[in-house]
Protein backbone atom coordinates (compact mmCIF):
# COMPACT_ATOMS: atom_id res chain seq x y z
CA MET A 1 133.80 137.09 142.80
CA VAL A 2 135.55 134.14 141.20
CA ASN A 3 134.67 131.90 143.71
CA ARG A 4 131.02 133.06 143.64
CA PHE A 5 131.23 132.18 139.97
CA ARG A 6 132.75 128.87 140.30
CA GLY A 7 130.37 127.76 142.91
CA SER A 8 127.46 128.80 140.70
CA PHE A 9 128.85 127.04 137.93
CA LEU A 10 129.30 123.98 139.55
CA LEU A 11 125.60 123.98 141.09
CA ILE A 12 124.15 124.67 137.46
CA PHE A 13 126.40 121.75 136.11
CA LEU A 14 125.48 119.38 139.01
CA LEU A 15 121.71 120.05 138.36
CA PHE A 16 122.31 119.55 134.67
CA LEU A 17 123.89 115.96 135.18
CA THR A 18 121.01 115.03 137.69
CA SER A 19 118.01 116.23 135.15
CA CYS A 20 120.02 114.03 132.48
CA ALA A 21 120.00 110.78 134.82
CA HIS A 22 118.02 107.85 133.92
CA VAL A 23 114.96 106.85 136.03
CA ILE A 24 115.45 103.22 136.48
CA SER A 25 118.19 102.20 138.72
CA LYS A 26 121.72 100.98 137.50
CA ASP A 27 121.65 97.37 138.45
CA LEU A 28 118.09 96.81 136.54
CA ARG A 29 119.77 98.81 133.38
CA VAL A 30 122.80 96.46 133.42
CA LYS A 31 120.42 93.38 133.72
CA ALA A 32 118.27 94.39 130.67
CA ASP A 33 118.97 93.74 127.27
CA PRO A 34 119.01 97.02 125.01
CA SER A 35 119.17 95.02 121.96
CA LEU A 36 115.96 93.07 122.53
CA THR A 37 113.25 95.05 121.11
CA PHE A 38 109.53 95.34 121.73
CA ARG A 39 108.66 94.20 118.59
CA GLU A 40 110.90 91.12 118.83
CA VAL A 41 109.28 90.25 122.04
CA PHE A 42 105.62 90.94 120.79
CA GLN A 43 105.88 88.26 117.95
CA ASN A 44 106.71 85.78 120.70
CA PRO A 45 106.83 86.74 124.37
CA ASN A 46 107.03 83.14 125.67
CA ALA A 47 110.53 82.76 123.76
CA TYR A 48 112.01 85.68 125.77
CA GLN A 49 110.61 84.35 129.30
CA GLY A 50 113.06 85.56 132.13
CA LYS A 51 114.86 88.21 130.14
CA THR A 52 114.82 91.66 131.68
CA VAL A 53 113.52 94.81 129.77
CA ILE A 54 112.98 98.53 130.16
CA TRP A 55 109.92 99.62 128.49
CA GLY A 56 107.31 102.68 128.82
CA GLY A 57 104.37 104.44 127.36
CA GLU A 58 100.66 105.35 128.27
CA ILE A 59 98.70 103.86 130.93
CA ILE A 60 95.31 102.84 129.39
CA LYS A 61 93.85 101.10 132.50
CA THR A 62 94.92 99.98 135.77
CA ILE A 63 93.19 96.72 137.30
CA ASN A 64 93.63 95.63 141.06
CA GLN A 65 92.91 91.78 141.77
CA LYS A 66 91.46 90.36 144.85
CA ASP A 67 94.81 88.75 145.67
CA GLY A 68 96.26 92.18 146.22
CA THR A 69 97.89 92.41 142.86
CA THR A 70 97.65 94.98 140.49
CA PHE A 71 97.85 94.68 136.28
CA ILE A 72 98.57 97.78 134.55
CA GLU A 73 97.68 97.95 130.59
CA ILE A 74 100.22 99.96 128.65
CA PHE A 75 100.13 101.87 125.01
CA GLN A 76 103.93 101.13 124.49
CA LEU A 77 105.99 104.05 123.28
CA PRO A 78 109.81 104.39 122.64
CA LEU A 79 111.87 105.86 125.51
CA SER A 80 114.41 108.87 125.36
CA ARG A 81 117.72 108.36 126.88
CA ARG A 82 116.18 109.44 130.29
CA GLY A 83 113.83 106.82 130.02
CA GLU A 84 110.71 109.03 129.39
CA PRO A 85 108.19 107.69 126.98
CA ASN A 86 108.28 109.68 123.74
CA GLU A 87 105.12 110.61 121.83
CA THR A 88 106.54 111.79 118.99
CA TYR A 89 107.64 108.15 117.59
CA PRO A 90 104.95 105.32 116.89
CA SER A 91 103.90 102.80 119.16
CA GLU A 92 104.44 99.17 118.65
CA GLY A 93 101.54 97.92 120.53
CA ARG A 94 100.27 97.20 124.10
CA PHE A 95 101.75 95.42 127.04
CA LEU A 96 100.62 94.34 130.72
CA ILE A 97 102.66 94.41 133.96
CA LEU A 98 101.95 92.72 137.05
CA THR A 99 103.00 93.97 140.10
CA GLU A 100 102.75 92.09 143.61
CA LYS A 101 101.17 95.06 145.58
CA TYR A 102 97.98 97.34 145.02
CA LEU A 103 98.59 100.28 143.17
CA ASP A 104 95.83 102.98 143.48
CA PRO A 105 93.89 103.69 140.33
CA TYR A 106 93.82 107.35 140.83
CA LEU A 107 97.69 107.68 140.76
CA PHE A 108 98.03 105.30 137.81
CA LYS A 109 95.21 106.52 135.51
CA ARG A 110 94.71 106.70 131.97
CA GLY A 111 96.87 109.00 130.20
CA ARG A 112 99.91 109.17 132.69
CA LYS A 113 103.49 108.07 131.42
CA ILE A 114 105.14 105.04 132.96
CA THR A 115 108.33 103.72 132.70
CA VAL A 116 109.08 99.95 134.05
CA ALA A 117 111.95 97.66 134.52
CA GLY A 118 110.68 94.21 134.67
CA GLU A 119 111.05 90.48 133.75
CA ILE A 120 108.98 88.78 130.75
CA LEU A 121 106.53 86.45 132.22
CA GLY A 122 105.49 85.50 128.86
CA GLU A 123 101.88 86.21 127.28
CA GLU A 124 98.35 86.78 128.05
CA PHE A 125 95.31 87.05 125.56
CA ARG A 126 92.70 89.28 126.74
CA LYS A 127 89.84 90.69 124.59
CA LEU A 128 90.55 94.02 122.99
CA GLY A 129 87.28 94.88 121.16
CA GLU A 130 86.01 91.97 119.41
CA MET A 131 89.34 90.21 118.88
CA ASP A 132 91.86 88.20 121.41
CA TYR A 133 95.02 90.34 121.73
CA ARG A 134 98.44 88.82 122.73
CA TYR A 135 100.00 91.10 125.39
CA PRO A 136 103.29 90.68 126.35
CA LEU A 137 103.32 90.50 130.30
CA LEU A 138 106.00 91.87 132.63
CA SER A 139 106.54 91.12 136.16
CA ALA A 140 107.73 94.89 137.49
CA LYS A 141 110.92 95.21 139.34
CA GLN A 142 110.84 99.11 139.08
CA ILE A 143 108.14 101.41 138.04
CA HIS A 144 108.50 105.19 137.55
CA LEU A 145 105.44 107.25 137.03
CA TRP A 146 106.02 110.41 135.50
CA ARG A 147 104.64 113.62 136.65
CA GLU A 148 101.84 115.23 135.12
CA TYR A 149 102.29 118.60 133.56
CA TYR A 150 99.08 121.09 132.81
CA TYR A 151 99.43 123.93 130.35
CA PRO A 152 96.99 126.79 130.53
CA GLY A 153 96.53 126.76 126.82
CA PRO A 154 98.23 127.21 123.65
CA TYR A 155 99.37 130.70 125.04
CA TYR A 156 101.37 131.56 128.27
CA TYR A 157 99.24 134.20 130.42
CA HIS A 158 101.20 135.43 133.51
CA PRO A 159 98.56 135.51 136.29
CA TYR A 160 98.89 138.88 137.38
CA TYR A 161 98.97 140.45 133.94
CA TYR A 162 95.75 141.81 132.28
CA ASP A 163 95.52 144.49 129.31
CA PRO A 164 92.22 145.79 129.59
CA TRP A 165 92.70 147.58 126.09
CA TRP A 166 92.97 143.93 124.55
CA ASP A 167 89.22 143.83 124.81
CA TYR A 168 88.52 146.84 122.43
CA PRO A 169 89.07 147.20 118.97
CA ILE A 170 92.11 148.80 117.69
CA TYR A 171 90.45 151.97 116.43
CA TRP A 172 88.89 152.51 119.77
CA ARG A 173 92.36 152.21 121.20
CA PHE A 174 93.90 154.72 119.09
CA ASN A 175 91.12 157.18 119.01
CA PHE A 176 91.18 157.32 123.09
CA TYR A 177 94.87 157.68 123.02
CA TYR A 178 94.73 160.47 120.30
CA HIS A 179 91.98 162.58 122.00
CA ARG A 180 93.63 162.09 125.50
CA HIS A 181 97.24 163.24 124.62
CA ARG A 182 96.25 166.00 122.04
């Protein structure tokens, strides 16, 4: 009994440890400068060329190029300790990711969360509405696309549970119960 308890505890502990692991590899996290903030780089991306950073956010759009590369426009969000974009804090802007391979826009679609480790290449100006917007440009070294979770609505409904009495007003339910059990 004690050995079974220890085994169960060890399994739960190992699952806990793996669920807290960062999604970016350790060697890239060591290369990245954690003191370098998105806001600093956004002010002058060319001054930080060659630096490695880990950023994340929500995908705005994915653009495949004729040469087989892909640009991904990201709405920046601060990252949690695991590297997941955190929607509860405000964004500081947008940035672009350049990958040397084709990424399917169906998978890398608008609204998906993404975390990327990459090297700063500089800046790129693109139209955003009627203005020229300065995007910090990263060459992606590692990308983590977060899973999409779907919730059925504001309340949880068990798929096999249905209460037929819920559709009737309370006085009908009481009246029916009262007359059946008199």
